[in-house]
All heavy atoms as atom14 arrays in JSON, in Angstrom:
{
  "sequence": "IAHLEREAEARRLAIAAQTGLMTDLPFQASTFDYVLAFNV",
  "atom14_mask": [
    [1, 1, 1, 1, 1, 1, 1, 1, 0, 0, 0, 0, 0, 0],
    [1, 1, 1, 1, 1, 0, 0, 0, 0, 0, 0, 0, 0, 0],
    [1, 1, 1, 1, 1, 1, 1, 1, 1, 1, 0, 0, 0, 0],
    [1, 1, 1, 1, 1, 1, 1, 1, 0, 0, 0, 0, 0, 0],
    [1, 1, 1, 1, 1, 1, 1, 1, 1, 0, 0, 0, 0, 0],
    [1, 1, 1, 1, 1, 1, 1, 1, 1, 1, 1, 0, 0, 0],
    [1, 1, 1, 1, 1, 1, 1, 1, 1, 0, 0, 0, 0, 0],
    [1, 1, 1, 1, 1, 0, 0, 0, 0, 0, 0, 0, 0, 0],
    [1, 1, 1, 1, 1, 1, 1, 1, 1, 0, 0, 0, 0, 0],
    [1, 1, 1, 1, 1, 0, 0, 0, 0, 0, 0, 0, 0, 0],
    [1, 1, 1, 1, 1, 1, 1, 1, 1, 1, 1, 0, 0, 0],
    [1, 1, 1, 1, 1, 1, 1, 1, 1, 1, 1, 0, 0, 0],
    [1, 1, 1, 1, 1, 1, 1, 1, 0, 0, 0, 0, 0, 0],
    [1, 1, 1, 1, 1, 0, 0, 0, 0, 0, 0, 0, 0, 0],
    [1, 1, 1, 1, 1, 1, 1, 1, 0, 0, 0, 0, 0, 0],
    [1, 1, 1, 1, 1, 0, 0, 0, 0, 0, 0, 0, 0, 0],
    [1, 1, 1, 1, 1, 0, 0, 0, 0, 0, 0, 0, 0, 0],
    [1, 1, 1, 1, 1, 1, 1, 1, 1, 0, 0, 0, 0, 0],
    [1, 1, 1, 1, 1, 1, 1, 0, 0, 0, 0, 0, 0, 0],
    [1, 1, 1, 1, 0, 0, 0, 0, 0, 0, 0, 0, 0, 0],
    [1, 1, 1, 1, 1, 1, 1, 1, 0, 0, 0, 0, 0, 0],
    [1, 1, 1, 1, 1, 1, 1, 1, 0, 0, 0, 0, 0, 0],
    [1, 1, 1, 1, 1, 1, 1, 0, 0, 0, 0, 0, 0, 0],
    [1, 1, 1, 1, 1, 1, 1, 1, 0, 0, 0, 0, 0, 0],
    [1, 1, 1, 1, 1, 1, 1, 1, 0, 0, 0, 0, 0, 0],
    [1, 1, 1, 1, 1, 1, 1, 0, 0, 0, 0, 0, 0, 0],
    [1, 1, 1, 1, 1, 1, 1, 1, 1, 1, 1, 0, 0, 0],
    [1, 1, 1, 1, 1, 1, 1, 1, 1, 0, 0, 0, 0, 0],
    [1, 1, 1, 1, 1, 0, 0, 0, 0, 0, 0, 0, 0, 0],
    [1, 1, 1, 1, 1, 1, 0, 0, 0, 0, 0, 0, 0, 0],
    [1, 1, 1, 1, 1, 1, 1, 0, 0, 0, 0, 0, 0, 0],
    [1, 1, 1, 1, 1, 1, 1, 1, 1, 1, 1, 0, 0, 0],
    [1, 1, 1, 1, 1, 1, 1, 1, 0, 0, 0, 0, 0, 0],
    [1, 1, 1, 1, 1, 1, 1, 1, 1, 1, 1, 1, 0, 0],
    [1, 1, 1, 1, 1, 1, 1, 0, 0, 0, 0, 0, 0, 0],
    [1, 1, 1, 1, 1, 1, 1, 1, 0, 0, 0, 0, 0, 0],
    [1, 1, 1, 1, 1, 0, 0, 0, 0, 0, 0, 0, 0, 0],
    [1, 1, 1, 1, 1, 1, 1, 1, 1, 1, 1, 0, 0, 0],
    [1, 1, 1, 1, 1, 1, 1, 1, 0, 0, 0, 0, 0, 0],
    [1, 1, 1, 1, 1, 1, 1, 0, 0, 0, 0, 0, 0, 0]
  ],
  "atom14_positions": [
    [[-106.3, -1.95, 49.86], [-104.93, -2.4, 49.56], [-104.1, -1.26, 48.97], [-102.93, -1.08, 49.31], [-104.96, -3.6, 48.6], [-105.56, -4.83, 49.29], [-103.57, -3.91, 48.06], [-104.74, -5.36, 50.44], [0.0, 0.0, 0.0], [0.0, 0.0, 0.0], [0.0, 0.0, 0.0], [0.0, 0.0, 0.0], [0.0, 0.0, 0.0], [0.0, 0.0, 0.0]],
    [[-104.7, -0.46, 48.09], [-103.98, 0.66, 47.48], [-103.53, 1.66, 48.54], [-102.4, 2.16, 48.49], [-104.85, 1.34, 46.44], [0.0, 0.0, 0.0], [0.0, 0.0, 0.0], [0.0, 0.0, 0.0], [0.0, 0.0, 0.0], [0.0, 0.0, 0.0], [0.0, 0.0, 0.0], [0.0, 0.0, 0.0], [0.0, 0.0, 0.0], [0.0, 0.0, 0.0]],
    [[-104.4, 1.94, 49.5], [-104.03, 2.87, 50.58], [-102.9, 2.29, 51.42], [-101.94, 3.0, 51.77], [-105.23, 3.18, 51.46], [-104.91, 4.1, 52.59], [-104.8, 5.46, 52.44], [-104.64, 3.85, 53.91], [-104.47, 6.01, 53.59], [-104.38, 5.05, 54.5], [0.0, 0.0, 0.0], [0.0, 0.0, 0.0], [0.0, 0.0, 0.0], [0.0, 0.0, 0.0]],
    [[-103.0, 1.01, 51.75], [-101.94, 0.36, 52.52], [-100.61, 0.44, 51.78], [-99.57, 0.77, 52.39], [-102.3, -1.1, 52.78], [-101.19, -2.01, 53.29], [-100.57, -1.48, 54.57], [-101.71, -3.42, 53.48], [0.0, 0.0, 0.0], [0.0, 0.0, 0.0], [0.0, 0.0, 0.0], [0.0, 0.0, 0.0], [0.0, 0.0, 0.0], [0.0, 0.0, 0.0]],
    [[-100.6, 0.17, 50.51], [-99.35, 0.21, 49.74], [-98.74, 1.6, 49.73], [-97.52, 1.76, 49.83], [-99.6, -0.32, 48.33], [-99.88, -1.82, 48.3], [-100.18, -2.33, 46.91], [-100.68, -1.54, 46.08], [-99.94, -3.52, 46.66], [0.0, 0.0, 0.0], [0.0, 0.0, 0.0], [0.0, 0.0, 0.0], [0.0, 0.0, 0.0], [0.0, 0.0, 0.0]],
    [[-99.59, 2.62, 49.63], [-99.07, 4.0, 49.67], [-98.45, 4.31, 51.02], [-97.37, 4.91, 51.11], [-100.2, 5.0, 49.36], [-100.71, 4.98, 47.93], [-101.57, 6.18, 47.62], [-102.79, 6.23, 48.44], [-103.95, 5.66, 48.12], [-104.06, 4.99, 46.98], [-105.01, 5.78, 48.9], [0.0, 0.0, 0.0], [0.0, 0.0, 0.0], [0.0, 0.0, 0.0]],
    [[-99.13, 3.91, 52.09], [-98.62, 4.17, 53.44], [-97.33, 3.39, 53.71], [-96.4, 3.92, 54.33], [-99.69, 3.8, 54.47], [-100.81, 4.8, 54.58], [-100.32, 6.14, 55.1], [-99.64, 6.18, 56.14], [-100.6, 7.17, 54.43], [0.0, 0.0, 0.0], [0.0, 0.0, 0.0], [0.0, 0.0, 0.0], [0.0, 0.0, 0.0], [0.0, 0.0, 0.0]],
    [[-97.29, 2.13, 53.27], [-96.09, 1.33, 53.47], [-94.9, 1.95, 52.76], [-93.78, 1.99, 53.31], [-96.33, -0.1, 52.99], [0.0, 0.0, 0.0], [0.0, 0.0, 0.0], [0.0, 0.0, 0.0], [0.0, 0.0, 0.0], [0.0, 0.0, 0.0], [0.0, 0.0, 0.0], [0.0, 0.0, 0.0], [0.0, 0.0, 0.0], [0.0, 0.0, 0.0]],
    [[-95.13, 2.42, 51.55], [-94.04, 3.06, 50.8], [-93.58, 4.33, 51.5], [-92.37, 4.59, 51.63], [-94.5, 3.38, 49.38], [-93.4, 3.99, 48.52], [-93.83, 4.25, 47.09], [-95.03, 4.02, 46.77], [-92.98, 4.67, 46.28], [0.0, 0.0, 0.0], [0.0, 0.0, 0.0], [0.0, 0.0, 0.0], [0.0, 0.0, 0.0], [0.0, 0.0, 0.0]],
    [[-94.54, 5.12, 51.99], [-94.19, 6.37, 52.67], [-93.4, 6.11, 53.94], [-92.51, 6.89, 54.31], [-95.46, 7.17, 52.99], [0.0, 0.0, 0.0], [0.0, 0.0, 0.0], [0.0, 0.0, 0.0], [0.0, 0.0, 0.0], [0.0, 0.0, 0.0], [0.0, 0.0, 0.0], [0.0, 0.0, 0.0], [0.0, 0.0, 0.0], [0.0, 0.0, 0.0]],
    [[-93.7, 5.02, 54.63], [-93.01, 4.69, 55.89], [-91.8, 3.77, 55.67], [-91.15, 3.38, 56.63], [-93.99, 4.02, 56.86], [-95.2, 4.86, 57.2], [-96.02, 4.18, 58.3], [-97.34, 4.74, 58.42], [-98.22, 4.42, 59.39], [-97.86, 3.52, 60.3], [-99.42, 4.96, 59.43], [0.0, 0.0, 0.0], [0.0, 0.0, 0.0], [0.0, 0.0, 0.0]],
    [[-91.56, 3.41, 54.42], [-90.44, 2.53, 54.06], [-90.55, 1.18, 54.78], [-89.57, 0.67, 55.34], [-89.11, 3.21, 54.35], [-88.89, 4.48, 53.52], [-87.54, 5.1, 53.76], [-87.35, 6.29, 52.93], [-86.26, 7.03, 52.93], [-85.23, 6.71, 53.72], [-86.18, 8.1, 52.16], [0.0, 0.0, 0.0], [0.0, 0.0, 0.0], [0.0, 0.0, 0.0]],
    [[-91.76, 0.63, 54.74], [-92.02, -0.67, 55.33], [-92.29, -1.69, 54.24], [-92.99, -1.4, 53.26], [-93.24, -0.6, 56.27], [-93.1, 0.29, 57.5], [-94.44, 0.44, 58.2], [-92.06, -0.28, 58.46], [0.0, 0.0, 0.0], [0.0, 0.0, 0.0], [0.0, 0.0, 0.0], [0.0, 0.0, 0.0], [0.0, 0.0, 0.0], [0.0, 0.0, 0.0]],
    [[-91.73, -2.87, 54.38], [-91.92, -3.94, 53.4], [-93.14, -4.76, 53.8], [-93.11, -5.48, 54.81], [-90.68, -4.82, 53.32], [0.0, 0.0, 0.0], [0.0, 0.0, 0.0], [0.0, 0.0, 0.0], [0.0, 0.0, 0.0], [0.0, 0.0, 0.0], [0.0, 0.0, 0.0], [0.0, 0.0, 0.0], [0.0, 0.0, 0.0], [0.0, 0.0, 0.0]],
    [[-94.22, -4.65, 53.02], [-95.44, -5.4, 53.27], [-95.91, -6.01, 51.96], [-96.05, -5.3, 50.95], [-96.55, -4.51, 53.86], [-96.11, -3.95, 55.23], [-97.86, -5.28, 54.0], [-97.09, -2.95, 55.82], [0.0, 0.0, 0.0], [0.0, 0.0, 0.0], [0.0, 0.0, 0.0], [0.0, 0.0, 0.0], [0.0, 0.0, 0.0], [0.0, 0.0, 0.0]],
    [[-96.14, -7.31, 51.96], [-96.65, -7.99, 50.77], [-98.18, -7.95, 50.84], [-98.79, -8.74, 51.57], [-96.15, -9.42, 50.72], [0.0, 0.0, 0.0], [0.0, 0.0, 0.0], [0.0, 0.0, 0.0], [0.0, 0.0, 0.0], [0.0, 0.0, 0.0], [0.0, 0.0, 0.0], [0.0, 0.0, 0.0], [0.0, 0.0, 0.0], [0.0, 0.0, 0.0]],
    [[-98.79, -7.03, 50.12], [-100.23, -6.82, 50.18], [-100.89, -7.26, 48.88], [-100.34, -7.04, 47.79], [-100.54, -5.35, 50.45], [0.0, 0.0, 0.0], [0.0, 0.0, 0.0], [0.0, 0.0, 0.0], [0.0, 0.0, 0.0], [0.0, 0.0, 0.0], [0.0, 0.0, 0.0], [0.0, 0.0, 0.0], [0.0, 0.0, 0.0], [0.0, 0.0, 0.0]],
    [[-102.08, -7.86, 48.99], [-102.8, -8.31, 47.81], [-104.28, -8.45, 48.1], [-104.69, -8.6, 49.25], [-102.24, -9.66, 47.33], [-102.43, -10.8, 48.31], [-101.69, -12.05, 47.9], [-100.64, -12.37, 48.47], [-102.22, -12.77, 46.93], [0.0, 0.0, 0.0], [0.0, 0.0, 0.0], [0.0, 0.0, 0.0], [0.0, 0.0, 0.0], [0.0, 0.0, 0.0]],
    [[-105.08, -8.38, 47.03], [-106.5, -8.65, 47.17], [-106.73, -10.16, 47.13], [-105.95, -10.91, 46.53], [-107.32, -7.98, 46.05], [-106.83, -8.44, 44.78], [-107.22, -6.47, 46.13], [0.0, 0.0, 0.0], [0.0, 0.0, 0.0], [0.0, 0.0, 0.0], [0.0, 0.0, 0.0], [0.0, 0.0, 0.0], [0.0, 0.0, 0.0], [0.0, 0.0, 0.0]],
    [[-107.79, -10.59, 47.8], [-108.1, -12.02, 47.82], [-109.27, -12.3, 48.73], [-109.82, -11.4, 49.37], [0.0, 0.0, 0.0], [0.0, 0.0, 0.0], [0.0, 0.0, 0.0], [0.0, 0.0, 0.0], [0.0, 0.0, 0.0], [0.0, 0.0, 0.0], [0.0, 0.0, 0.0], [0.0, 0.0, 0.0], [0.0, 0.0, 0.0], [0.0, 0.0, 0.0]],
    [[-109.65, -13.57, 48.81], [-110.79, -14.0, 49.6], [-110.34, -14.73, 50.86], [-109.42, -15.55, 50.81], [-111.69, -14.93, 48.78], [-112.3, -14.35, 47.5], [-113.07, -15.43, 46.77], [-113.22, -13.17, 47.84], [0.0, 0.0, 0.0], [0.0, 0.0, 0.0], [0.0, 0.0, 0.0], [0.0, 0.0, 0.0], [0.0, 0.0, 0.0], [0.0, 0.0, 0.0]],
    [[-111.02, -14.46, 51.96], [-110.67, -15.12, 53.21], [-111.01, -16.61, 53.19], [-110.47, -17.38, 53.98], [-111.38, -14.44, 54.38], [-112.89, -14.5, 54.37], [-113.58, -13.53, 55.74], [-115.35, -13.84, 55.5], [0.0, 0.0, 0.0], [0.0, 0.0, 0.0], [0.0, 0.0, 0.0], [0.0, 0.0, 0.0], [0.0, 0.0, 0.0], [0.0, 0.0, 0.0]],
    [[-111.9, -17.01, 52.3], [-112.28, -18.42, 52.19], [-111.36, -19.23, 51.29], [-111.52, -20.44, 51.15], [-113.73, -18.53, 51.66], [-113.82, -17.76, 50.44], [-114.73, -18.01, 52.67], [0.0, 0.0, 0.0], [0.0, 0.0, 0.0], [0.0, 0.0, 0.0], [0.0, 0.0, 0.0], [0.0, 0.0, 0.0], [0.0, 0.0, 0.0], [0.0, 0.0, 0.0]],
    [[-110.38, -18.57, 50.67], [-109.47, -19.25, 49.76], [-108.12, -18.54, 49.81], [-107.75, -17.81, 48.89], [-110.04, -19.24, 48.34], [-109.23, -20.07, 47.36], [-108.43, -20.92, 47.82], [-109.38, -19.86, 46.14], [0.0, 0.0, 0.0], [0.0, 0.0, 0.0], [0.0, 0.0, 0.0], [0.0, 0.0, 0.0], [0.0, 0.0, 0.0], [0.0, 0.0, 0.0]],
    [[-107.39, -18.76, 50.88], [-106.15, -18.01, 51.11], [-105.04, -18.48, 50.17], [-104.78, -19.68, 50.06], [-105.7, -18.17, 52.56], [-106.68, -17.65, 53.62], [-106.11, -17.86, 55.02], [-106.99, -16.17, 53.39], [0.0, 0.0, 0.0], [0.0, 0.0, 0.0], [0.0, 0.0, 0.0], [0.0, 0.0, 0.0], [0.0, 0.0, 0.0], [0.0, 0.0, 0.0]],
    [[-104.36, -17.55, 49.51], [-103.33, -17.9, 48.52], [-101.97, -18.14, 49.14], [-100.96, -17.58, 48.7], [-103.32, -16.66, 47.61], [-103.63, -15.53, 48.54], [-104.61, -16.09, 49.55], [0.0, 0.0, 0.0], [0.0, 0.0, 0.0], [0.0, 0.0, 0.0], [0.0, 0.0, 0.0], [0.0, 0.0, 0.0], [0.0, 0.0, 0.0], [0.0, 0.0, 0.0]],
    [[-101.93, -18.98, 50.18], [-100.68, -19.25, 50.88], [-100.57, -20.75, 51.13], [-101.57, -21.45, 51.27], [-100.63, -18.51, 52.22], [-100.87, -17.04, 52.12], [-102.07, -16.49, 52.55], [-99.91, -16.2, 51.58], [-102.3, -15.13, 52.45], [-100.14, -14.83, 51.47], [-101.34, -14.29, 51.9], [0.0, 0.0, 0.0], [0.0, 0.0, 0.0], [0.0, 0.0, 0.0]],
    [[-99.33, -21.22, 51.21], [-99.09, -22.63, 51.49], [-99.39, -22.95, 52.94], [-99.46, -22.07, 53.8], [-97.64, -22.99, 51.15], [-97.3, -22.88, 49.67], [-95.87, -23.3, 49.38], [-95.09, -23.55, 50.29], [-95.54, -23.39, 48.11], [0.0, 0.0, 0.0], [0.0, 0.0, 0.0], [0.0, 0.0, 0.0], [0.0, 0.0, 0.0], [0.0, 0.0, 0.0]],
    [[-99.58, -24.22, 53.22], [-99.85, -24.68, 54.58], [-98.67, -24.35, 55.5], [-97.51, -24.31, 55.07], [-100.13, -26.17, 54.59], [0.0, 0.0, 0.0], [0.0, 0.0, 0.0], [0.0, 0.0, 0.0], [0.0, 0.0, 0.0], [0.0, 0.0, 0.0], [0.0, 0.0, 0.0], [0.0, 0.0, 0.0], [0.0, 0.0, 0.0], [0.0, 0.0, 0.0]],
    [[-98.99, -24.09, 56.75], [-97.98, -23.85, 57.8], [-97.01, -22.73, 57.43], [-95.8, -22.86, 57.6], [-97.22, -25.15, 58.09], [-98.1, -26.16, 58.52], [0.0, 0.0, 0.0], [0.0, 0.0, 0.0], [0.0, 0.0, 0.0], [0.0, 0.0, 0.0], [0.0, 0.0, 0.0], [0.0, 0.0, 0.0], [0.0, 0.0, 0.0], [0.0, 0.0, 0.0]],
    [[-97.56, -21.62, 56.96], [-96.74, -20.49, 56.54], [-96.51, -19.48, 57.66], [-95.42, -18.92, 57.78], [-97.4, -19.76, 55.35], [-97.44, -20.63, 54.22], [-96.65, -18.49, 54.97], [0.0, 0.0, 0.0], [0.0, 0.0, 0.0], [0.0, 0.0, 0.0], [0.0, 0.0, 0.0], [0.0, 0.0, 0.0], [0.0, 0.0, 0.0], [0.0, 0.0, 0.0]],
    [[-97.52, -19.26, 58.51], [-97.5, -18.1, 59.41], [-97.37, -18.49, 60.88], [-97.9, -19.5, 61.33], [-98.76, -17.26, 59.21], [-98.87, -16.66, 57.84], [-99.76, -17.18, 56.91], [-98.05, -15.61, 57.46], [-99.86, -16.64, 55.64], [-98.14, -15.07, 56.19], [-99.04, -15.58, 55.27], [0.0, 0.0, 0.0], [0.0, 0.0, 0.0], [0.0, 0.0, 0.0]],
    [[-96.68, -17.61, 61.62], [-96.55, -17.72, 63.07], [-97.64, -16.94, 63.8], [-97.86, -17.14, 65.0], [-95.19, -17.19, 63.53], [-94.05, -17.94, 62.86], [-93.8, -19.09, 63.25], [-93.43, -17.37, 61.94], [0.0, 0.0, 0.0], [0.0, 0.0, 0.0], [0.0, 0.0, 0.0], [0.0, 0.0, 0.0], [0.0, 0.0, 0.0], [0.0, 0.0, 0.0]],
    [[-98.3, -16.05, 63.08], [-99.34, -15.21, 63.68], [-100.3, -14.79, 62.57], [-99.87, -14.3, 61.53], [-98.71, -13.98, 64.34], [-99.67, -12.92, 64.82], [-100.43, -13.09, 65.98], [-99.81, -11.72, 64.14], [-101.3, -12.1, 66.44], [-100.66, -10.71, 64.58], [-101.41, -10.91, 65.72], [-102.26, -9.92, 66.17], [0.0, 0.0, 0.0], [0.0, 0.0, 0.0]],
    [[-101.6, -14.98, 62.81], [-102.63, -14.49, 61.9], [-103.61, -13.64, 62.7], [-104.11, -14.06, 63.75], [-103.38, -15.64, 61.2], [-104.59, -15.09, 60.44], [-102.46, -16.38, 60.23], [0.0, 0.0, 0.0], [0.0, 0.0, 0.0], [0.0, 0.0, 0.0], [0.0, 0.0, 0.0], [0.0, 0.0, 0.0], [0.0, 0.0, 0.0], [0.0, 0.0, 0.0]],
    [[-103.87, -12.45, 62.18], [-104.85, -11.54, 62.76], [-106.04, -11.43, 61.82], [-105.87, -11.26, 60.6], [-104.22, -10.16, 62.94], [-105.19, -9.04, 63.36], [-105.69, -9.26, 64.79], [-104.53, -7.67, 63.21], [0.0, 0.0, 0.0], [0.0, 0.0, 0.0], [0.0, 0.0, 0.0], [0.0, 0.0, 0.0], [0.0, 0.0, 0.0], [0.0, 0.0, 0.0]],
    [[-107.25, -11.53, 62.38], [-108.47, -11.3, 61.6], [-109.39, -10.43, 62.45], [-110.26, -10.94, 63.17], [-109.14, -12.62, 61.24], [0.0, 0.0, 0.0], [0.0, 0.0, 0.0], [0.0, 0.0, 0.0], [0.0, 0.0, 0.0], [0.0, 0.0, 0.0], [0.0, 0.0, 0.0], [0.0, 0.0, 0.0], [0.0, 0.0, 0.0], [0.0, 0.0, 0.0]],
    [[-109.18, -9.13, 62.39], [-109.9, -8.19, 63.25], [-111.13, -7.65, 62.52], [-111.03, -7.01, 61.49], [-108.98, -7.04, 63.65], [-109.44, -6.29, 64.88], [-108.98, -6.65, 66.14], [-110.35, -5.26, 64.78], [-109.41, -5.98, 67.28], [-110.79, -4.58, 65.9], [-110.32, -4.93, 67.16], [0.0, 0.0, 0.0], [0.0, 0.0, 0.0], [0.0, 0.0, 0.0]],
    [[-112.31, -7.96, 63.06], [-113.59, -7.53, 62.47], [-113.74, -8.0, 61.03], [-114.11, -7.23, 60.14], [-113.73, -6.0, 62.54], [-113.91, -5.5, 63.95], [-113.95, -6.28, 64.89], [-114.03, -4.2, 64.11], [0.0, 0.0, 0.0], [0.0, 0.0, 0.0], [0.0, 0.0, 0.0], [0.0, 0.0, 0.0], [0.0, 0.0, 0.0], [0.0, 0.0, 0.0]],
    [[-113.48, -9.29, 60.8], [-113.44, -9.79, 59.42], [-114.3, -11.03, 59.21], [-115.21, -11.03, 58.38], [-111.98, -10.13, 59.02], [-111.93, -10.73, 57.62], [-111.11, -8.9, 59.1], [0.0, 0.0, 0.0], [0.0, 0.0, 0.0], [0.0, 0.0, 0.0], [0.0, 0.0, 0.0], [0.0, 0.0, 0.0], [0.0, 0.0, 0.0], [0.0, 0.0, 0.0]]
  ]
}
């Protein structure tokens, strides 16, 4: 996450990044239009 935040800042991209568990996602129901889970 720290590396992602550094890269996002360098590229001036807005990304909400956080640590967490895939078995307990900290998001409300029906939030996303697309979810990617690559090698996870």
